Amino acid sequence: MKRYLIISLLALAACNNGPVTSKVDDKNHLSASIVSNPLTANGMDTVAAARKPVMDFKNDTLHNFGAIHEGEKVSYDFAFTNTGKTPLIISGANGSCGCTVPEYPHDAVAPGASGIMKVTFNSAGKSGHQSKSVTIHTNTNKNIEMLYINAEVQKQ
């Protein structure tokens, strides 16, 4: 019974009572009209998969800050371009710990447009070699993109 209730609620939530006229609604949520899922009941829709956005990082997805002093905050801008055919949506980004904070574009990135993923590392309370990661949740075929940073934190 519980399963049928959940399925019913999901079906009601998925209903669309009118045309989508904007990519952002009054609550600053992205419209479902720019989201595409190439998975179907019959398998992968290769045409839809080929049209998905691609988050192409200009340089590497790894940045080494080198030697820094404990307590120092350092940042790096990972530049990327959407080389796909549909808008790129970043729905969230998380650092592997509280010391690693990502900032990302909250608006859709159009095909051919570029953006920045800024990653800030706070070395307070850290020492020695540090390796951290950022998980980016996107609408690309991979769904998750990863960035990495390294630093050698020296005690003062």
C-alpha atoms as a PDB file:
ATOM      1  CA  MET A   1       0.000   0.000   0.000  1.00  0.00           C
ATOM      2  CA  LYS A   2       2.809   2.371   0.924  1.00  0.00           C
ATOM      3  CA  ARG A   3       4.496   1.757  -2.436  1.00  0.00           C
ATOM      4  CA  TYR A   4       1.282   2.647  -4.336  1.00  0.00           C
ATOM      5  CA  LEU A   5       0.945   5.862  -2.353  1.00  0.00           C
ATOM      6  CA  ILE A   6       4.514   6.885  -3.194  1.00  0.00           C
ATOM      7  CA  ILE A   7       4.026   6.077  -6.889  1.00  0.00           C
ATOM      8  CA  SER A   8       0.773   8.070  -6.923  1.00  0.00           C
ATOM      9  CA  LEU A   9       2.445  11.067  -5.310  1.00  0.00           C
ATOM     10  CA  LEU A  10       5.312  10.927  -7.807  1.00  0.00           C
ATOM     11  CA  ALA A  11       2.855  10.761 -10.705  1.00  0.00           C
ATOM     12  CA  LEU A  12       0.978  13.795  -9.397  1.00  0.00           C
ATOM     13  CA  ALA A  13       4.210  15.719  -8.882  1.00  0.00           C
ATOM     14  CA  ALA A  14       5.274  14.974 -12.452  1.00  0.00           C
ATOM     15  CA  CYS A  15       2.102  16.450 -13.967  1.00  0.00           C
ATOM     16  CA  ASN A  16       2.521  19.611 -15.968  1.00  0.00           C
ATOM     17  CA  ASN A  17      -0.612  21.724 -16.150  1.00  0.00           C
ATOM     18  CA  GLY A  18       0.537  24.162 -18.795  1.00  0.00           C
ATOM     19  CA  PRO A  19       3.282  25.219 -21.155  1.00  0.00           C
ATOM     20  CA  VAL A  20       6.640  26.166 -19.761  1.00  0.00           C
ATOM     21  CA  THR A  21       7.310  29.767 -20.697  1.00  0.00           C
ATOM     22  CA  SER A  22      10.508  30.431 -18.788  1.00  0.00           C
ATOM     23  CA  LYS A  23      13.694  28.608 -17.867  1.00  0.00           C
ATOM     24  CA  VAL A  24      13.472  29.953 -14.308  1.00  0.00           C
ATOM     25  CA  ASP A  25      10.282  30.204 -12.247  1.00  0.00           C
ATOM     26  CA  ASP A  26       9.370  32.742  -9.576  1.00  0.00           C
ATOM     27  CA  LYS A  27      11.214  30.681  -6.940  1.00  0.00           C
ATOM     28  CA  ASN A  28      14.408  30.674  -9.053  1.00  0.00           C
ATOM     29  CA  HIS A  29      14.044  26.969  -9.924  1.00  0.00           C
ATOM     30  CA  LEU A  30      15.142  25.758 -13.345  1.00  0.00           C
ATOM     31  CA  SER A  31      12.390  24.638 -15.689  1.00  0.00           C
ATOM     32  CA  ALA A  32      12.004  20.948 -16.465  1.00  0.00           C
ATOM     33  CA  SER A  33      11.894  21.881 -20.161  1.00  0.00           C
ATOM     34  CA  ILE A  34      15.707  22.117 -20.283  1.00  0.00           C
ATOM     35  CA  VAL A  35      16.305  18.732 -18.634  1.00  0.00           C
ATOM     36  CA  SER A  36      16.707  15.688 -20.868  1.00  0.00           C
ATOM     37  CA  ASN A  37      17.006  12.054 -19.798  1.00  0.00           C
ATOM     38  CA  PRO A  38      18.271   9.688 -22.522  1.00  0.00           C
ATOM     39  CA  LEU A  39      17.289   6.571 -20.550  1.00  0.00           C
ATOM     40  CA  THR A  40      13.991   5.064 -21.657  1.00  0.00           C
ATOM     41  CA  ALA A  41      12.081   1.891 -20.817  1.00  0.00           C
ATOM     42  CA  ASN A  42      13.645   0.403 -23.973  1.00  0.00           C
ATOM     43  CA  GLY A  43      17.227   1.317 -23.036  1.00  0.00           C
ATOM     44  CA  MET A  44      19.453   4.229 -24.024  1.00  0.00           C
ATOM     45  CA  ASP A  45      18.178   6.755 -26.569  1.00  0.00           C
ATOM     46  CA  THR A  46      21.485   7.363 -28.351  1.00  0.00           C
ATOM     47  CA  VAL A  47      20.187  10.457 -30.160  1.00  0.00           C
ATOM     48  CA  ALA A  48      19.178  12.105 -26.855  1.00  0.00           C
ATOM     49  CA  ALA A  49      22.463  10.995 -25.244  1.00  0.00           C
ATOM     50  CA  ALA A  50      24.453  12.629 -28.056  1.00  0.00           C
ATOM     51  CA  ARG A  51      22.626  15.928 -27.455  1.00  0.00           C
ATOM     52  CA  LYS A  52      23.485  16.071 -23.728  1.00  0.00           C
ATOM     53  CA  PRO A  53      25.739  18.836 -22.426  1.00  0.00           C
ATOM     54  CA  VAL A  54      29.455  18.199 -21.995  1.00  0.00           C
ATOM     55  CA  MET A  55      31.411  19.876 -19.186  1.00  0.00           C
ATOM     56  CA  ASP A  56      34.822  20.312 -20.825  1.00  0.00           C
ATOM     57  CA  PHE A  57      37.491  21.699 -18.488  1.00  0.00           C
ATOM     58  CA  LYS A  58      40.052  23.934 -20.238  1.00  0.00           C
ATOM     59  CA  ASN A  59      42.956  22.660 -18.198  1.00  0.00           C
ATOM     60  CA  ASP A  60      43.200  19.631 -16.001  1.00  0.00           C
ATOM     61  CA  THR A  61      40.672  18.693 -13.340  1.00  0.00           C
ATOM     62  CA  LEU A  62      43.537  18.595 -10.811  1.00  0.00           C
ATOM     63  CA  HIS A  63      45.220  21.664  -9.321  1.00  0.00           C
ATOM     64  CA  ASN A  64      48.261  21.514  -7.060  1.00  0.00           C
ATOM     65  CA  PHE A  65      48.594  24.558  -4.789  1.00  0.00           C
ATOM     66  CA  GLY A  66      52.095  23.436  -3.818  1.00  0.00           C
ATOM     67  CA  ALA A  67      53.482  24.531  -0.452  1.00  0.00           C
ATOM     68  CA  ILE A  68      51.187  26.752   1.620  1.00  0.00           C
ATOM     69  CA  HIS A  69      51.224  27.832   5.270  1.00  0.00           C
ATOM     70  CA  GLU A  70      48.793  26.394   7.797  1.00  0.00           C
ATOM     71  CA  GLY A  71      45.782  28.694   8.154  1.00  0.00           C
ATOM     72  CA  GLU A  72      46.107  30.069   4.634  1.00  0.00           C
ATOM     73  CA  LYS A  73      43.009  30.071   2.368  1.00  0.00           C
ATOM     74  CA  VAL A  74      43.783  29.438  -1.284  1.00  0.00           C
ATOM     75  CA  SER A  75      41.452  29.381  -4.291  1.00  0.00           C
ATOM     76  CA  TYR A  76      41.608  28.155  -7.855  1.00  0.00           C
ATOM     77  CA  ASP A  77      39.243  28.779 -10.763  1.00  0.00           C
ATOM     78  CA  PHE A  78      38.575  25.685 -12.866  1.00  0.00           C
ATOM     79  CA  ALA A  79      37.429  27.074 -16.245  1.00  0.00           C
ATOM     80  CA  PHE A  80      35.061  24.961 -18.323  1.00  0.00           C
ATOM     81  CA  THR A  81      33.032  25.174 -21.523  1.00  0.00           C
ATOM     82  CA  ASN A  82      29.774  23.434 -22.368  1.00  0.00           C
ATOM     83  CA  THR A  83      30.792  21.707 -25.603  1.00  0.00           C
ATOM     84  CA  GLY A  84      27.501  19.799 -25.794  1.00  0.00           C
ATOM     85  CA  LYS A  85      24.331  20.609 -27.683  1.00  0.00           C
ATOM     86  CA  THR A  86      21.982  21.445 -24.791  1.00  0.00           C
ATOM     87  CA  PRO A  87      22.208  23.694 -21.699  1.00  0.00           C
ATOM     88  CA  LEU A  88      24.458  22.466 -18.883  1.00  0.00           C
ATOM     89  CA  ILE A  89      22.850  22.465 -15.457  1.00  0.00           C
ATOM     90  CA  ILE A  90      24.908  22.208 -12.284  1.00  0.00           C
ATOM     91  CA  SER A  91      22.464  21.210  -9.569  1.00  0.00           C
ATOM     92  CA  GLY A  92      25.037  21.107  -6.788  1.00  0.00           C
ATOM     93  CA  ALA A  93      28.675  20.746  -5.800  1.00  0.00           C
ATOM     94  CA  ASN A  94      30.192  19.363  -2.593  1.00  0.00           C
ATOM     95  CA  GLY A  95      33.708  19.396  -1.216  1.00  0.00           C
ATOM     96  CA  SER A  96      35.088  16.192   0.313  1.00  0.00           C
ATOM     97  CA  CYS A  97      35.286  18.003   3.657  1.00  0.00           C
ATOM     98  CA  GLY A  98      34.275  21.337   5.173  1.00  0.00           C
ATOM     99  CA  CYS A  99      37.679  22.812   4.356  1.00  0.00           C
ATOM    100  CA  THR A 100      37.003  22.589   0.609  1.00  0.00           C
ATOM    101  CA  VAL A 101      34.258  24.891  -0.669  1.00  0.00           C
ATOM    102  CA  PRO A 102      33.134  25.022  -4.308  1.00  0.00           C
ATOM    103  CA  GLU A 103      31.317  27.922  -5.983  1.00  0.00           C
ATOM    104  CA  TYR A 104      29.516  27.260  -9.256  1.00  0.00           C
ATOM    105  CA  PRO A 105      27.161  28.919 -11.761  1.00  0.00           C
ATOM    106  CA  HIS A 106      23.538  28.532 -10.653  1.00  0.00           C
ATOM    107  CA  ASP A 107      22.127  29.421 -14.076  1.00  0.00           C
ATOM    108  CA  ALA A 108      22.166  27.027 -17.016  1.00  0.00           C
ATOM    109  CA  VAL A 109      25.317  27.274 -19.152  1.00  0.00           C
ATOM    110  CA  ALA A 110      24.334  27.478 -22.817  1.00  0.00           C
ATOM    111  CA  PRO A 111      26.040  25.332 -25.467  1.00  0.00           C
ATOM    112  CA  GLY A 112      29.354  26.976 -26.381  1.00  0.00           C
ATOM    113  CA  ALA A 113      29.319  29.162 -23.252  1.00  0.00           C
ATOM    114  CA  SER A 114      31.954  29.012 -20.524  1.00  0.00           C
ATOM    115  CA  GLY A 115      31.858  29.091 -16.753  1.00  0.00           C
ATOM    116  CA  ILE A 116      34.039  28.900 -13.649  1.00  0.00           C
ATOM    117  CA  MET A 117      34.055  26.420 -10.783  1.00  0.00           C
ATOM    118  CA  LYS A 118      35.907  28.233  -7.987  1.00  0.00           C
ATOM    119  CA  VAL A 119      37.332  25.930  -5.309  1.00  0.00           C
ATOM    120  CA  THR A 120      38.604  27.382  -2.019  1.00  0.00           C
ATOM    121  CA  PHE A 121      40.705  25.335   0.391  1.00  0.00           C
ATOM    122  CA  ASN A 122      41.088  26.447   4.026  1.00  0.00           C
ATOM    123  CA  SER A 123      44.238  24.917   5.516  1.00  0.00           C
ATOM    124  CA  ALA A 124      43.416  25.861   9.134  1.00  0.00           C
ATOM    125  CA  GLY A 125      44.150  22.880  11.366  1.00  0.00           C
ATOM    126  CA  LYS A 126      45.752  20.917   8.524  1.00  0.00           C
ATOM    127  CA  SER A 127      49.347  19.830   8.061  1.00  0.00           C
ATOM    128  CA  GLY A 128      51.310  17.778   5.596  1.00  0.00           C
ATOM    129  CA  HIS A 129      50.066  16.546   2.234  1.00  0.00           C
ATOM    130  CA  GLN A 130      46.378  17.271   1.604  1.00  0.00           C
ATOM    131  CA  SER A 131      44.301  15.795  -1.232  1.00  0.00           C
ATOM    132  CA  LYS A 132      40.693  16.960  -1.562  1.00  0.00           C
ATOM    133  CA  SER A 133      37.958  16.522  -4.145  1.00  0.00           C
ATOM    134  CA  VAL A 134      34.843  18.284  -5.340  1.00  0.00           C
ATOM    135  CA  THR A 135      31.840  16.340  -6.628  1.00  0.00           C
ATOM    136  CA  ILE A 136      29.757  18.250  -9.189  1.00  0.00           C
ATOM    137  CA  HIS A 137      26.183  17.097  -9.890  1.00  0.00           C
ATOM    138  CA  THR A 138      25.241  17.849 -13.502  1.00  0.00           C
ATOM    139  CA  ASN A 139      22.933  16.836 -16.331  1.00  0.00           C
ATOM    140  CA  THR A 140      25.836  15.484 -18.428  1.00  0.00           C
ATOM    141  CA  ASN A 141      25.892  11.847 -19.518  1.00  0.00           C
ATOM    142  CA  LYS A 142      28.183  11.067 -16.561  1.00  0.00           C
ATOM    143  CA  ASN A 143      25.876  12.953 -14.119  1.00  0.00           C
ATOM    144  CA  ILE A 144      28.848  13.524 -11.816  1.00  0.00           C
ATOM    145  CA  GLU A 145      32.011  15.432 -12.654  1.00  0.00           C
ATOM    146  CA  MET A 146      35.021  15.497 -10.312  1.00  0.00           C
ATOM    147  CA  LEU A 147      37.687  18.091  -9.502  1.00  0.00           C
ATOM    148  CA  TYR A 148      40.765  17.530  -7.347  1.00  0.00           C
ATOM    149  CA  ILE A 149      43.152  19.742  -5.404  1.00  0.00           C
ATOM    150  CA  ASN A 150      46.416  19.031  -3.608  1.00  0.00           C
ATOM    151  CA  ALA A 151      48.479  21.095  -1.201  1.00  0.00           C
ATOM    152  CA  GLU A 152      51.481  20.639   1.048  1.00  0.00           C
ATOM    153  CA  VAL A 153      50.537  22.436   4.274  1.00  0.00           C
ATOM    154  CA  GLN A 154      53.511  23.613   6.308  1.00  0.00           C
ATOM    155  CA  LYS A 155      53.233  24.390  10.028  1.00  0.00           C
ATOM    156  CA  GLN A 156      54.125  27.951  10.932  1.00  0.00           C
END
